[in-house]
Amino acid sequence: MTAGQDAREAQWLKWRSVADLYHAFFTGLILTVVTRRGTADAAEFVFRVFRRQQQERFLPGLEKLGISHLPPAVAAAQYHYLSNWIGGVHVEYMYESDRKAWVRYPPPRWIWRGTAICGVPGEVSRAMLRGWHANNGIALGRPALGFVCTKQGVDAQDGLEGYYYEYDHPLELDQQMVFARHLEAPLFDANKAPALPVESWPRPRLEKAYRNYAMEYVKTAAPVIVQAFGPEDAAYLLHRTGKLIGMQYFEEIARAFGVSGGGAREFVGFLRVLFESQDDVADIRESEGSFEIRQQSWKLMADVGDYHPACASVLTGLFEGLAAGCGRHIPVHLKPAAGGKAPFVWAIG
């Protein structure tokens, strides 16, 4: 392996570690809402997140993946297969006919990573399907297209699965997503599954898309939680989640970044790599053992139309938690920022 290849592999490892951090934040945020506000609020929150993502990304995604010309049921199922595959999600696709196509998420479930699945109520998983899968027919202008769910992993079945089916008549709202737990998906055959065109999806693009897949969930979730529960409660939930996740994941992320724990200096070195790995620009100054970081951009939230200053609690929580994971007594302070937007000025140590 050449030096250039080594550098690319190291960069991709950092991107994947950033993906792991934001993936953990999103899963943790759902669990925080479950435990702090209850199942009904958590289900409403998840519904809003996935509906917003569906409305923003489904139709453009069909074009990017080159599958917009397919029959509606097939296009919808292939979208879930290919887009989730890019994000590192284990998923299966089974074609049955032009009017019926299956999608299956076998264990382990990406979104409910590790032991998190034990804390996810069935209503929350169903809300995800109502938010996205149930609305694909409407988005396609084909109101006869619905989703039939046959299994849910959070209900101790062997994965989440179901099929898109195009009926002979338009569906009512409560018919767009129904359950048929007496049915089971056919077996997956990888040789019959669709594949991304290699020439338009080279490894560097796939690696960046893998990172962005996880980050996009947080980009959606932060403004949604503000709109759902109000700025004060949202800031608390985002901050608490970020601090817990930061503490739990510092060691793992730092290992991939090639830095180690210690004091303020080591933590600033960690943040330098984190900013670079999520495409943000930051200037760092040191004075008598303390550090000031001017974060020039927060690219993740730069184009969010309904951004609220409470969304910055994602960063304050994460940075405080990551600092605690790095070493004891590393103070992190965010100076007031105009409109709660970048540039952010952080005082460390």
Protein backbone atom coordinates (compact mmCIF):
# COMPACT_ATOMS: atom_id res chain seq x y z
CA MET A 1 0.00 0.00 0.00
CA THR A 2 1.41 3.41 -1.00
CA ALA A 3 1.65 6.43 1.26
CA GLY A 4 -1.23 8.02 -0.60
CA GLN A 5 -3.40 4.96 -0.08
CA ASP A 6 -2.47 4.90 3.62
CA ALA A 7 -3.55 8.52 3.96
CA ARG A 8 -6.86 7.85 2.24
CA GLU A 9 -7.55 4.82 4.44
CA ALA A 10 -6.77 6.90 7.54
CA GLN A 11 -9.14 9.63 6.34
CA TRP A 12 -11.91 7.12 5.67
CA LEU A 13 -11.45 5.63 9.14
CA LYS A 14 -11.93 9.10 10.64
CA TRP A 15 -15.06 9.65 8.57
CA ARG A 16 -16.46 6.32 9.74
CA SER A 17 -15.73 7.25 13.34
CA VAL A 18 -17.60 10.53 12.92
CA ALA A 19 -20.47 8.49 11.50
CA ASP A 20 -20.38 6.24 14.57
CA LEU A 21 -20.52 9.28 16.88
CA TYR A 22 -23.53 10.84 15.16
CA HIS A 23 -25.22 7.46 14.76
CA ALA A 24 -24.91 6.95 18.51
CA PHE A 25 -26.22 10.45 19.17
CA PHE A 26 -29.34 9.87 17.08
CA THR A 27 -30.14 6.51 18.68
CA GLY A 28 -29.40 7.97 22.10
CA LEU A 29 -31.66 10.95 21.45
CA ILE A 30 -34.61 8.66 20.74
CA LEU A 31 -33.94 6.77 23.97
CA THR A 32 -33.62 10.04 25.88
CA VAL A 33 -37.04 11.11 24.63
CA VAL A 34 -38.51 7.69 25.51
CA THR A 35 -37.17 7.87 29.07
CA ARG A 36 -37.71 11.59 29.70
CA ARG A 37 -40.99 12.26 27.87
CA GLY A 38 -42.57 8.86 27.33
CA THR A 39 -43.51 6.57 24.47
CA ALA A 40 -46.17 8.78 22.88
CA ASP A 41 -43.85 11.79 22.56
CA ALA A 42 -41.01 9.60 21.33
CA ALA A 43 -43.25 8.09 18.65
CA GLU A 44 -44.38 11.56 17.55
CA PHE A 45 -40.77 12.75 17.41
CA VAL A 46 -39.63 9.74 15.34
CA PHE A 47 -42.61 10.13 13.00
CA ARG A 48 -41.71 13.78 12.36
CA VAL A 49 -38.02 12.99 11.78
CA PHE A 50 -38.68 10.26 9.24
CA ARG A 51 -41.48 12.12 7.48
CA ARG A 52 -39.23 15.14 7.07
CA GLN A 53 -36.42 13.00 5.71
CA GLN A 54 -38.81 11.23 3.36
CA GLN A 55 -40.14 14.52 2.00
CA GLU A 56 -36.66 15.98 1.53
CA ARG A 57 -34.74 12.98 0.20
CA PHE A 58 -36.91 10.27 -1.30
CA LEU A 59 -37.62 11.72 -4.75
CA PRO A 60 -34.14 13.28 -5.24
CA GLY A 61 -32.67 9.97 -4.02
CA LEU A 62 -34.50 8.00 -6.69
CA GLU A 63 -32.86 10.20 -9.32
CA LYS A 64 -29.38 9.94 -7.77
CA LEU A 65 -29.67 6.17 -7.62
CA GLY A 66 -30.97 5.96 -11.19
CA ILE A 67 -34.15 4.06 -10.30
CA SER A 68 -36.89 6.67 -10.78
CA HIS A 69 -38.08 4.92 -13.96
CA LEU A 70 -39.00 1.68 -12.17
CA PRO A 71 -42.56 0.65 -11.19
CA PRO A 72 -43.54 2.39 -7.92
CA ALA A 73 -43.39 -0.67 -5.64
CA VAL A 74 -40.04 -1.73 -7.07
CA ALA A 75 -38.57 1.79 -6.98
CA ALA A 76 -39.62 2.30 -3.35
CA ALA A 77 -38.14 -1.02 -2.20
CA GLN A 78 -34.92 -0.57 -4.18
CA TYR A 79 -34.53 2.92 -2.74
CA HIS A 80 -34.50 1.52 0.80
CA TYR A 81 -32.10 -1.23 -0.22
CA LEU A 82 -29.56 0.95 -2.00
CA SER A 83 -29.68 4.09 0.18
CA ASN A 84 -29.36 2.10 3.39
CA TRP A 85 -26.60 -0.05 1.92
CA ILE A 86 -24.62 3.15 1.28
CA GLY A 87 -25.05 4.10 4.94
CA GLY A 88 -23.77 0.75 6.17
CA VAL A 89 -27.20 -0.60 7.09
CA HIS A 90 -27.76 -4.33 6.63
CA VAL A 91 -30.82 -4.61 4.38
CA GLU A 92 -32.29 -7.06 1.88
CA TYR A 93 -34.45 -6.64 -1.23
CA MET A 94 -36.66 -9.27 -2.86
CA TYR A 95 -38.57 -8.66 -6.10
CA GLU A 96 -41.86 -10.53 -6.42
CA SER A 97 -43.59 -8.64 -9.25
CA ASP A 98 -43.81 -5.14 -10.70
CA ARG A 99 -46.55 -4.48 -8.16
CA LYS A 100 -44.96 -6.17 -5.13
CA ALA A 101 -41.41 -5.87 -3.77
CA TRP A 102 -40.03 -6.72 -0.34
CA VAL A 103 -37.52 -4.97 1.89
CA ARG A 104 -36.07 -6.57 5.02
CA TYR A 105 -33.78 -5.25 7.75
CA PRO A 106 -32.32 -8.35 9.42
CA PRO A 107 -30.62 -8.28 12.83
CA PRO A 108 -28.63 -6.55 14.08
CA ARG A 109 -30.65 -3.38 13.44
CA TRP A 110 -28.49 -0.38 12.60
CA ILE A 111 -30.71 2.24 14.18
CA TRP A 112 -31.13 0.36 17.49
CA ARG A 113 -27.44 -0.43 17.89
CA GLY A 114 -26.36 -2.95 20.49
CA THR A 115 -28.41 -3.02 23.68
CA ALA A 116 -30.41 0.05 22.61
CA ILE A 117 -33.02 -2.21 21.00
CA CYS A 118 -34.14 -3.29 24.49
CA GLY A 119 -35.31 0.26 25.23
CA VAL A 120 -37.31 0.93 22.06
CA PRO A 121 -41.11 0.55 22.33
CA GLY A 122 -42.96 -0.98 19.38
CA GLU A 123 -44.89 2.28 18.89
CA VAL A 124 -41.62 4.10 18.17
CA SER A 125 -40.57 1.63 15.50
CA ARG A 126 -44.03 1.80 13.93
CA ALA A 127 -43.77 5.59 13.88
CA MET A 128 -40.66 5.30 11.71
CA LEU A 129 -42.64 3.25 9.16
CA ARG A 130 -45.58 5.66 9.27
CA GLY A 131 -43.23 8.58 8.76
CA TRP A 132 -41.42 7.20 5.72
CA HIS A 133 -42.63 3.92 4.22
CA ALA A 134 -46.33 4.76 4.39
CA ASN A 135 -45.84 8.00 2.45
CA ASN A 136 -43.83 6.80 -0.55
CA GLY A 137 -46.94 6.22 -2.65
CA ILE A 138 -48.16 9.76 -2.00
CA ALA A 139 -44.73 11.19 -2.84
CA LEU A 140 -44.71 9.28 -6.12
CA GLY A 141 -48.20 10.46 -7.03
CA ARG A 142 -49.38 6.85 -6.82
CA PRO A 143 -51.96 6.75 -3.99
CA ALA A 144 -52.60 3.05 -4.63
CA LEU A 145 -49.11 2.18 -3.35
CA GLY A 146 -48.98 1.02 0.27
CA PHE A 147 -46.60 -0.73 2.65
CA VAL A 148 -47.45 -3.97 4.44
CA CYS A 149 -45.29 -4.69 7.52
CA THR A 150 -44.90 -8.37 8.38
CA LYS A 151 -42.31 -8.22 11.19
CA GLN A 152 -40.75 -5.81 13.69
CA GLY A 153 -37.45 -6.52 15.40
CA VAL A 154 -38.34 -4.53 18.52
CA ASP A 155 -41.24 -6.97 19.01
CA ALA A 156 -38.67 -9.80 19.23
CA GLN A 157 -39.27 -10.93 15.64
CA ASP A 158 -36.23 -11.73 13.51
CA GLY A 159 -35.90 -8.31 11.89
CA LEU A 160 -38.06 -5.60 10.39
CA GLU A 161 -39.63 -6.56 7.08
CA GLY A 162 -42.50 -5.85 4.76
CA TYR A 163 -43.46 -5.24 1.16
CA TYR A 164 -44.62 -2.46 -1.07
CA TYR A 165 -47.77 -3.31 -2.96
CA GLU A 166 -49.66 -1.37 -5.61
CA TYR A 167 -53.39 -1.98 -5.19
CA ASP A 168 -56.15 -1.51 -7.76
CA HIS A 169 -57.57 1.51 -5.94
CA PRO A 170 -56.36 4.60 -4.05
CA LEU A 171 -55.73 3.98 -0.37
CA GLU A 172 -57.24 5.78 2.59
CA LEU A 173 -54.82 7.26 5.14
CA ASP A 174 -55.13 4.29 7.52
CA GLN A 175 -54.51 1.85 4.66
CA GLN A 176 -51.16 3.26 3.57
CA MET A 177 -49.32 1.19 6.17
CA VAL A 178 -50.88 -2.00 7.56
CA PHE A 179 -49.65 -5.14 9.33
CA ALA A 180 -49.79 -8.77 8.19
CA ARG A 181 -47.72 -10.66 10.76
CA HIS A 182 -48.88 -14.03 9.48
CA LEU A 183 -46.75 -13.50 6.34
CA GLU A 184 -43.00 -13.83 5.90
CA ALA A 185 -40.55 -12.44 3.37
CA PRO A 186 -38.97 -14.73 0.79
CA LEU A 187 -35.28 -15.52 1.16
CA PHE A 188 -32.76 -12.93 0.00
CA ASP A 189 -30.61 -13.71 -3.04
CA ALA A 190 -27.72 -11.26 -3.33
CA ASN A 191 -27.21 -12.22 -6.98
CA LYS A 192 -30.67 -10.87 -7.81
CA ALA A 193 -30.34 -7.64 -5.83
CA PRO A 194 -29.69 -4.27 -7.50
CA ALA A 195 -26.21 -2.76 -7.34
CA LEU A 196 -24.84 0.75 -7.55
CA PRO A 197 -23.01 1.62 -10.79
CA VAL A 198 -19.35 1.49 -9.79
CA GLU A 199 -18.31 4.25 -12.18
CA SER A 200 -20.58 6.82 -10.53
CA TRP A 201 -20.10 5.53 -6.98
CA PRO A 202 -16.33 5.14 -6.48
CA ARG A 203 -14.91 4.36 -3.03
CA PRO A 204 -14.23 7.99 -1.97
CA ARG A 205 -17.83 8.96 -2.72
CA LEU A 206 -19.16 5.93 -0.87
CA GLU A 207 -17.01 6.65 2.19
CA LYS A 208 -18.20 10.25 2.40
CA ALA A 209 -21.81 9.16 1.84
CA TYR A 210 -21.40 6.64 4.68
CA ARG A 211 -20.37 9.47 7.01
CA ASN A 212 -23.10 11.81 5.80
CA TYR A 213 -25.82 9.16 6.19
CA ALA A 214 -25.46 9.14 9.99
CA MET A 215 -24.88 12.88 10.28
CA GLU A 216 -28.03 13.66 8.29
CA TYR A 217 -30.19 12.05 11.00
CA VAL A 218 -28.89 14.57 13.53
CA LYS A 219 -29.31 17.39 11.02
CA THR A 220 -32.98 16.45 10.78
CA ALA A 221 -33.57 15.56 14.42
CA ALA A 222 -32.28 18.76 16.04
CA PRO A 223 -34.70 21.24 14.42
CA VAL A 224 -37.54 18.70 14.59
CA ILE A 225 -37.18 18.25 18.35
CA VAL A 226 -37.22 22.04 18.83
CA GLN A 227 -40.44 22.34 16.84
CA ALA A 228 -41.98 19.35 18.64
CA PHE A 229 -41.21 20.18 22.28
CA GLY A 230 -40.12 23.82 22.36
CA PRO A 231 -36.61 25.31 22.62
CA GLU A 232 -36.10 24.87 26.37
CA ASP A 233 -37.03 21.19 26.56
CA ALA A 234 -35.28 20.47 23.26
CA ALA A 235 -32.04 22.09 24.45
CA TYR A 236 -32.14 19.92 27.59
CA LEU A 237 -32.74 16.71 25.63
CA LEU A 238 -30.08 17.47 23.02
CA HIS A 239 -27.49 18.52 25.62
CA ARG A 240 -28.09 15.54 27.90
CA THR A 241 -27.89 13.09 25.02
CA GLY A 242 -24.73 14.68 23.64
CA LYS A 243 -22.96 14.61 26.99
CA LEU A 244 -23.78 10.97 27.63
CA ILE A 245 -22.79 9.89 24.13
CA GLY A 246 -19.60 11.94 24.19
CA MET A 247 -18.46 10.33 27.44
CA GLN A 248 -19.23 6.84 26.16
CA TYR A 249 -17.60 7.23 22.74
CA PHE A 250 -14.49 9.39 23.31
CA GLU A 251 -12.10 6.48 23.72
CA GLU A 252 -13.33 4.69 20.61
CA ILE A 253 -13.31 7.81 18.44
CA ALA A 254 -9.96 9.03 19.77
CA ARG A 255 -8.35 5.71 18.86
CA ALA A 256 -9.44 6.13 15.26
CA PHE A 257 -8.27 9.76 15.29
CA GLY A 258 -4.82 8.72 16.47
CA VAL A 259 -4.99 10.85 19.63
CA SER A 260 -5.09 9.93 23.30
CA GLY A 261 -6.73 11.20 26.43
CA GLY A 262 -5.14 13.53 28.94
CA GLY A 263 -5.74 17.21 29.53
CA ALA A 264 -6.93 20.27 27.67
CA ARG A 265 -4.13 20.14 25.11
CA GLU A 266 -4.95 16.57 24.13
CA PHE A 267 -8.65 17.38 23.96
CA VAL A 268 -8.02 20.35 21.66
CA GLY A 269 -5.99 18.03 19.44
CA PHE A 270 -8.98 15.68 19.35
CA LEU A 271 -11.33 18.52 18.40
CA ARG A 272 -8.98 19.63 15.63
CA VAL A 273 -9.33 16.21 13.97
CA LEU A 274 -13.08 16.14 14.61
CA PHE A 275 -13.60 19.51 12.91
CA GLU A 276 -11.55 18.43 9.91
CA SER A 277 -13.37 15.11 9.68
CA GLN A 278 -16.80 16.75 9.55
CA ASP A 279 -15.65 19.41 7.03
CA ASP A 280 -15.63 22.33 9.47
CA VAL A 281 -12.99 25.04 9.66
CA ALA A 282 -11.58 26.07 13.05
CA ASP A 283 -8.80 28.38 14.27
CA ILE A 284 -7.06 27.49 17.53
CA ARG A 285 -5.14 29.85 19.81
CA GLU A 286 -3.34 29.08 23.07
CA SER A 287 -2.71 31.45 25.96
CA GLU A 288 -1.18 30.38 29.29
CA GLY A 289 -2.44 26.81 29.07
CA SER A 290 -5.95 27.73 27.95
CA PHE A 291 -7.26 27.45 24.43
CA GLU A 292 -9.69 29.42 22.34
CA ILE A 293 -11.21 27.69 19.32
CA ARG A 294 -13.02 29.77 16.75
CA GLN A 295 -15.24 27.31 14.87
CA GLN A 296 -15.81 29.18 11.62
CA SER A 297 -18.48 26.82 10.28
CA TRP A 298 -20.98 24.20 11.31
CA LYS A 299 -21.57 22.73 7.89
CA LEU A 300 -24.08 20.18 9.13
CA MET A 301 -26.63 22.87 10.03
CA ALA A 302 -25.63 25.57 7.56
CA ASP A 303 -28.62 25.18 5.24
CA VAL A 304 -31.33 24.27 7.78
CA GLY A 305 -34.18 26.70 7.13
CA ASP A 306 -35.82 26.38 10.57
CA TYR A 307 -32.59 26.35 12.57
CA HIS A 308 -33.01 27.53 16.17
CA PRO A 309 -30.20 28.45 18.62
CA ALA A 310 -31.27 25.48 20.78
CA CYS A 311 -29.84 23.20 18.07
CA ALA A 312 -26.34 24.24 19.22
CA SER A 313 -26.96 22.09 22.31
CA VAL A 314 -25.95 19.17 20.10
CA LEU A 315 -22.40 20.55 20.11
CA THR A 316 -22.25 21.79 23.71
CA GLY A 317 -23.44 18.41 24.98
CA LEU A 318 -21.13 16.40 22.76
CA PHE A 319 -18.06 18.53 23.49
CA GLU A 320 -18.64 18.47 27.26
CA GLY A 321 -19.08 14.71 27.16
CA LEU A 322 -16.06 14.15 24.93
CA ALA A 323 -13.98 16.35 27.24
CA ALA A 324 -15.06 14.27 30.24
CA GLY A 325 -14.08 11.15 28.34
CA CYS A 326 -10.68 12.66 27.54
CA GLY A 327 -9.80 13.55 31.14
CA ARG A 328 -11.14 15.01 34.35
CA HIS A 329 -11.65 18.74 34.89
CA ILE A 330 -11.44 19.94 31.27
CA PRO A 331 -13.89 22.86 31.18
CA VAL A 332 -15.69 23.58 27.91
CA HIS A 333 -17.49 26.88 27.45
CA LEU A 334 -19.33 28.19 24.38
CA LYS A 335 -19.38 31.97 24.24
CA PRO A 336 -22.68 33.54 23.14
CA ALA A 337 -23.02 33.47 19.35
CA ALA A 338 -25.22 35.71 17.22
CA GLY A 339 -28.39 33.81 16.43
CA GLY A 340 -26.87 30.70 17.97
CA LYS A 341 -25.03 30.09 14.67
CA ALA A 342 -21.40 29.70 13.61
CA PRO A 343 -18.91 31.09 14.05
CA PHE A 344 -18.75 29.59 17.52
CA VAL A 345 -16.03 30.55 20.00
CA TRP A 346 -15.09 27.81 22.46
CA ALA A 347 -12.97 28.29 25.58
CA ILE A 348 -11.20 25.06 26.59
CA GLY A 349 -9.29 24.70 29.84
